[in-house]
Amino acid sequence: MTDASTASAPVLVVDQITARLTAALAPTHLHVSNDSASHSGHMGDDGTGESHFSVEIESPAFSGVSRVQGQRMINTALADLLRDRIHALAIKARAPDE
């Protein structure tokens, strides 16, 4: 029997996104928002309240790379989440000098 007070809470997708992007890209600015509520009932809404997200990220890792390359870096860091948990991800990525 599991005591509810000792059971660990599930890790939110927004926290997983934040942790993975922080580890992979060492951002100087990172804001992740859960936009799922505004997509409730739409295609891709799985009912979990964790299907649609926005990422605003600034990282030196994006210096000298194209916008597409930067988005690929993000997609690589989040690959399994994009496959299994995230239906939609809006990305605004930039280098610190942009």
N, C-alpha and C. Protein backbone atom coordinates (compact mmCIF):
# COMPACT_ATOMS: atom_id res chain seq x y z
N MET A 1 0.85 -1.19 0.00
CA MET A 1 0.00 0.00 0.00
C MET A 1 0.88 1.24 0.00
N THR A 2 0.54 2.20 -0.83
CA THR A 2 1.32 3.42 -0.95
C THR A 2 0.69 4.53 -0.14
N ASP A 3 1.50 5.18 0.66
CA ASP A 3 1.06 6.33 1.43
C ASP A 3 1.07 7.55 0.51
N ALA A 4 -0.06 8.23 0.38
CA ALA A 4 -0.19 9.38 -0.52
C ALA A 4 0.82 10.46 -0.19
N SER A 5 1.22 10.59 1.06
CA SER A 5 2.16 11.65 1.43
C SER A 5 3.57 11.33 0.97
N THR A 6 3.88 10.05 0.68
CA THR A 6 5.22 9.70 0.23
C THR A 6 5.28 9.45 -1.27
N ALA A 7 4.13 9.37 -1.91
CA ALA A 7 4.10 9.16 -3.36
C ALA A 7 4.62 10.42 -4.05
N SER A 8 5.47 10.24 -5.04
CA SER A 8 6.01 11.41 -5.72
C SER A 8 5.02 11.89 -6.77
N ALA A 9 4.96 13.19 -6.90
CA ALA A 9 4.08 13.80 -7.90
C ALA A 9 4.69 13.60 -9.28
N PRO A 10 3.88 13.45 -10.30
CA PRO A 10 4.43 13.31 -11.64
C PRO A 10 5.18 14.58 -12.04
N VAL A 11 6.23 14.41 -12.82
CA VAL A 11 7.00 15.55 -13.29
C VAL A 11 6.26 16.20 -14.44
N LEU A 12 6.01 17.48 -14.31
CA LEU A 12 5.29 18.21 -15.35
C LEU A 12 6.13 18.31 -16.62
N VAL A 13 5.49 18.29 -17.76
CA VAL A 13 6.19 18.39 -19.03
C VAL A 13 6.93 19.72 -19.11
N VAL A 14 6.34 20.80 -18.63
CA VAL A 14 7.01 22.10 -18.67
C VAL A 14 8.34 22.04 -17.90
N ASP A 15 8.38 21.31 -16.80
CA ASP A 15 9.61 21.17 -16.03
C ASP A 15 10.63 20.30 -16.76
N GLN A 16 10.16 19.29 -17.47
CA GLN A 16 11.05 18.45 -18.26
C GLN A 16 11.66 19.24 -19.42
N ILE A 17 10.85 20.05 -20.08
CA ILE A 17 11.35 20.90 -21.16
C ILE A 17 12.42 21.84 -20.62
N THR A 18 12.13 22.50 -19.51
CA THR A 18 13.06 23.45 -18.91
C THR A 18 14.38 22.77 -18.56
N ALA A 19 14.32 21.62 -17.91
CA ALA A 19 15.53 20.92 -17.50
C ALA A 19 16.36 20.48 -18.70
N ARG A 20 15.71 19.94 -19.70
CA ARG A 20 16.44 19.44 -20.87
C ARG A 20 17.09 20.56 -21.68
N LEU A 21 16.36 21.65 -21.88
CA LEU A 21 16.94 22.76 -22.63
C LEU A 21 18.06 23.44 -21.85
N THR A 22 17.91 23.51 -20.55
CA THR A 22 18.97 24.08 -19.71
C THR A 22 20.24 23.23 -19.81
N ALA A 23 20.09 21.93 -19.71
CA ALA A 23 21.25 21.02 -19.78
C ALA A 23 21.89 21.02 -21.17
N ALA A 24 21.08 21.03 -22.21
CA ALA A 24 21.61 20.90 -23.57
C ALA A 24 22.16 22.20 -24.14
N LEU A 25 21.56 23.35 -23.77
CA LEU A 25 21.88 24.59 -24.46
C LEU A 25 22.37 25.72 -23.57
N ALA A 26 22.45 25.52 -22.27
CA ALA A 26 22.93 26.54 -21.32
C ALA A 26 22.40 27.94 -21.66
N PRO A 27 21.08 28.10 -21.64
CA PRO A 27 20.51 29.39 -22.06
C PRO A 27 20.80 30.53 -21.09
N THR A 28 20.89 31.73 -21.65
CA THR A 28 21.00 32.94 -20.83
C THR A 28 19.60 33.46 -20.48
N HIS A 29 18.62 33.01 -21.24
CA HIS A 29 17.21 33.31 -20.97
C HIS A 29 16.39 32.12 -21.44
N LEU A 30 15.44 31.71 -20.62
CA LEU A 30 14.56 30.61 -21.00
C LEU A 30 13.21 30.81 -20.34
N HIS A 31 12.17 30.80 -21.15
CA HIS A 31 10.80 30.85 -20.63
C HIS A 31 9.99 29.79 -21.37
N VAL A 32 9.42 28.87 -20.61
CA VAL A 32 8.58 27.82 -21.17
C VAL A 32 7.18 28.01 -20.63
N SER A 33 6.20 28.05 -21.52
CA SER A 33 4.82 28.20 -21.06
C SER A 33 3.96 27.07 -21.59
N ASN A 34 3.00 26.67 -20.78
CA ASN A 34 2.04 25.65 -21.14
C ASN A 34 0.83 26.36 -21.74
N ASP A 35 0.61 26.18 -23.03
CA ASP A 35 -0.48 26.83 -23.74
C ASP A 35 -1.67 25.90 -23.95
N SER A 36 -1.67 24.76 -23.30
CA SER A 36 -2.66 23.71 -23.56
C SER A 36 -4.10 24.16 -23.31
N ALA A 37 -4.31 24.98 -22.30
CA ALA A 37 -5.68 25.40 -21.96
C ALA A 37 -6.35 26.12 -23.13
N SER A 38 -5.58 26.87 -23.91
CA SER A 38 -6.18 27.58 -25.03
C SER A 38 -6.43 26.67 -26.24
N HIS A 39 -6.02 25.41 -26.13
CA HIS A 39 -6.24 24.44 -27.21
C HIS A 39 -7.17 23.31 -26.77
N SER A 40 -7.81 23.47 -25.64
CA SER A 40 -8.71 22.44 -25.11
C SER A 40 -9.80 22.11 -26.12
N GLY A 41 -9.96 20.83 -26.38
CA GLY A 41 -10.98 20.38 -27.32
C GLY A 41 -10.54 20.39 -28.77
N HIS A 42 -9.36 20.94 -29.06
CA HIS A 42 -8.85 20.97 -30.43
C HIS A 42 -8.11 19.68 -30.75
N MET A 43 -7.83 19.46 -32.01
CA MET A 43 -7.03 18.31 -32.41
C MET A 43 -5.69 18.36 -31.69
N GLY A 44 -5.25 17.24 -31.18
CA GLY A 44 -3.99 17.17 -30.46
C GLY A 44 -4.14 17.33 -28.97
N ASP A 45 -5.30 17.77 -28.52
CA ASP A 45 -5.55 17.88 -27.08
C ASP A 45 -5.83 16.47 -26.55
N ASP A 46 -4.89 15.96 -25.74
CA ASP A 46 -5.04 14.59 -25.23
C ASP A 46 -5.75 14.53 -23.89
N GLY A 47 -6.20 15.68 -23.39
CA GLY A 47 -6.93 15.72 -22.13
C GLY A 47 -6.05 15.82 -20.90
N THR A 48 -4.73 15.78 -21.06
CA THR A 48 -3.83 15.85 -19.92
C THR A 48 -3.58 17.29 -19.47
N GLY A 49 -3.87 18.24 -20.34
CA GLY A 49 -3.52 19.63 -20.03
C GLY A 49 -2.06 19.91 -20.26
N GLU A 50 -1.37 18.97 -20.93
CA GLU A 50 0.05 19.12 -21.21
C GLU A 50 0.35 18.64 -22.64
N SER A 51 -0.11 19.41 -23.61
CA SER A 51 0.08 19.01 -25.00
C SER A 51 0.64 20.12 -25.88
N HIS A 52 0.44 21.37 -25.51
CA HIS A 52 0.84 22.52 -26.32
C HIS A 52 1.72 23.45 -25.48
N PHE A 53 2.89 23.80 -26.03
CA PHE A 53 3.86 24.61 -25.28
C PHE A 53 4.50 25.66 -26.17
N SER A 54 5.02 26.70 -25.51
CA SER A 54 5.83 27.73 -26.17
C SER A 54 7.15 27.82 -25.45
N VAL A 55 8.21 28.00 -26.22
CA VAL A 55 9.56 28.16 -25.67
C VAL A 55 10.15 29.44 -26.22
N GLU A 56 10.64 30.26 -25.31
CA GLU A 56 11.40 31.46 -25.67
C GLU A 56 12.78 31.25 -25.08
N ILE A 57 13.80 31.16 -25.93
CA ILE A 57 15.13 30.80 -25.45
C ILE A 57 16.20 31.65 -26.12
N GLU A 58 17.16 32.08 -25.31
CA GLU A 58 18.34 32.77 -25.79
C GLU A 58 19.54 31.97 -25.31
N SER A 59 20.43 31.63 -26.23
CA SER A 59 21.59 30.82 -25.87
C SER A 59 22.76 31.11 -26.80
N PRO A 60 23.97 31.13 -26.24
CA PRO A 60 25.15 31.27 -27.09
C PRO A 60 25.28 30.11 -28.09
N ALA A 61 24.63 28.99 -27.80
CA ALA A 61 24.67 27.84 -28.71
C ALA A 61 24.07 28.17 -30.07
N PHE A 62 23.27 29.22 -30.16
CA PHE A 62 22.63 29.61 -31.41
C PHE A 62 23.46 30.59 -32.23
N SER A 63 24.58 31.05 -31.68
CA SER A 63 25.44 31.99 -32.40
C SER A 63 26.03 31.30 -33.63
N GLY A 64 25.85 31.95 -34.78
CA GLY A 64 26.44 31.43 -36.01
C GLY A 64 25.70 30.27 -36.65
N VAL A 65 24.53 29.93 -36.13
CA VAL A 65 23.76 28.85 -36.75
C VAL A 65 22.46 29.43 -37.32
N SER A 66 21.92 28.76 -38.31
CA SER A 66 20.67 29.22 -38.90
C SER A 66 19.50 28.98 -37.95
N ARG A 67 18.39 29.63 -38.24
CA ARG A 67 17.18 29.43 -37.43
C ARG A 67 16.76 27.96 -37.43
N VAL A 68 16.85 27.33 -38.58
CA VAL A 68 16.48 25.92 -38.70
C VAL A 68 17.42 25.05 -37.86
N GLN A 69 18.72 25.32 -37.91
CA GLN A 69 19.67 24.55 -37.10
C GLN A 69 19.39 24.72 -35.61
N GLY A 70 19.04 25.94 -35.20
CA GLY A 70 18.71 26.18 -33.80
C GLY A 70 17.47 25.40 -33.37
N GLN A 71 16.46 25.37 -34.22
CA GLN A 71 15.26 24.61 -33.91
C GLN A 71 15.54 23.12 -33.87
N ARG A 72 16.43 22.66 -34.73
CA ARG A 72 16.82 21.25 -34.69
C ARG A 72 17.53 20.90 -33.39
N MET A 73 18.33 21.82 -32.88
CA MET A 73 19.01 21.60 -31.60
C MET A 73 17.98 21.42 -30.48
N ILE A 74 16.96 22.25 -30.50
CA ILE A 74 15.89 22.16 -29.51
C ILE A 74 15.14 20.85 -29.69
N ASN A 75 14.78 20.52 -30.93
CA ASN A 75 14.06 19.27 -31.20
C ASN A 75 14.86 18.05 -30.76
N THR A 76 16.16 18.07 -30.93
CA THR A 76 17.01 16.96 -30.50
C THR A 76 16.97 16.81 -28.98
N ALA A 77 17.05 17.93 -28.26
CA ALA A 77 17.02 17.89 -26.79
C ALA A 77 15.69 17.38 -26.26
N LEU A 78 14.62 17.57 -27.04
CA LEU A 78 13.27 17.21 -26.59
C LEU A 78 12.68 16.05 -27.38
N ALA A 79 13.50 15.30 -28.09
CA ALA A 79 13.03 14.31 -29.07
C ALA A 79 11.95 13.37 -28.55
N ASP A 80 12.18 12.71 -27.42
CA ASP A 80 11.19 11.75 -26.94
C ASP A 80 9.93 12.43 -26.42
N LEU A 81 10.06 13.62 -25.87
CA LEU A 81 8.88 14.36 -25.44
C LEU A 81 8.05 14.78 -26.65
N LEU A 82 8.70 15.20 -27.72
CA LEU A 82 7.98 15.57 -28.93
C LEU A 82 7.28 14.36 -29.54
N ARG A 83 7.90 13.22 -29.41
CA ARG A 83 7.30 12.00 -29.95
C ARG A 83 6.12 11.52 -29.10
N ASP A 84 6.28 11.58 -27.77
CA ASP A 84 5.33 10.93 -26.86
C ASP A 84 4.38 11.85 -26.11
N ARG A 85 4.76 13.10 -25.86
CA ARG A 85 3.96 13.93 -24.95
C ARG A 85 3.53 15.27 -25.52
N ILE A 86 4.34 15.85 -26.39
CA ILE A 86 4.07 17.21 -26.88
C ILE A 86 3.43 17.13 -28.26
N HIS A 87 2.26 17.75 -28.39
CA HIS A 87 1.59 17.81 -29.70
C HIS A 87 2.09 19.02 -30.50
N ALA A 88 2.27 20.15 -29.83
CA ALA A 88 2.68 21.37 -30.51
C ALA A 88 3.69 22.15 -29.67
N LEU A 89 4.71 22.68 -30.35
CA LEU A 89 5.74 23.45 -29.67
C LEU A 89 6.07 24.67 -30.52
N ALA A 90 5.78 25.86 -29.99
CA ALA A 90 6.14 27.11 -30.65
C ALA A 90 7.50 27.53 -30.11
N ILE A 91 8.40 27.88 -31.01
CA ILE A 91 9.78 28.19 -30.60
C ILE A 91 10.18 29.58 -31.06
N LYS A 92 10.73 30.37 -30.13
CA LYS A 92 11.41 31.63 -30.44
C LYS A 92 12.82 31.47 -29.87
N ALA A 93 13.78 31.29 -30.76
CA ALA A 93 15.17 31.07 -30.34
C ALA A 93 16.06 32.15 -30.92
N ARG A 94 17.02 32.60 -30.12
CA ARG A 94 17.96 33.62 -30.59
C ARG A 94 19.28 33.48 -29.84
N ALA A 95 20.31 34.03 -30.43
CA ALA A 95 21.61 34.12 -29.79
C ALA A 95 21.64 35.41 -28.97
N PRO A 96 22.52 35.51 -27.97
CA PRO A 96 22.56 36.72 -27.14
C PRO A 96 22.84 38.01 -27.93
N ASP A 97 23.54 37.91 -29.04
CA ASP A 97 23.89 39.11 -29.81
C ASP A 97 22.82 39.50 -30.84
N GLU A 98 21.69 38.83 -30.85
CA GLU A 98 20.63 39.15 -31.81
C GLU A 98 19.65 40.15 -31.22
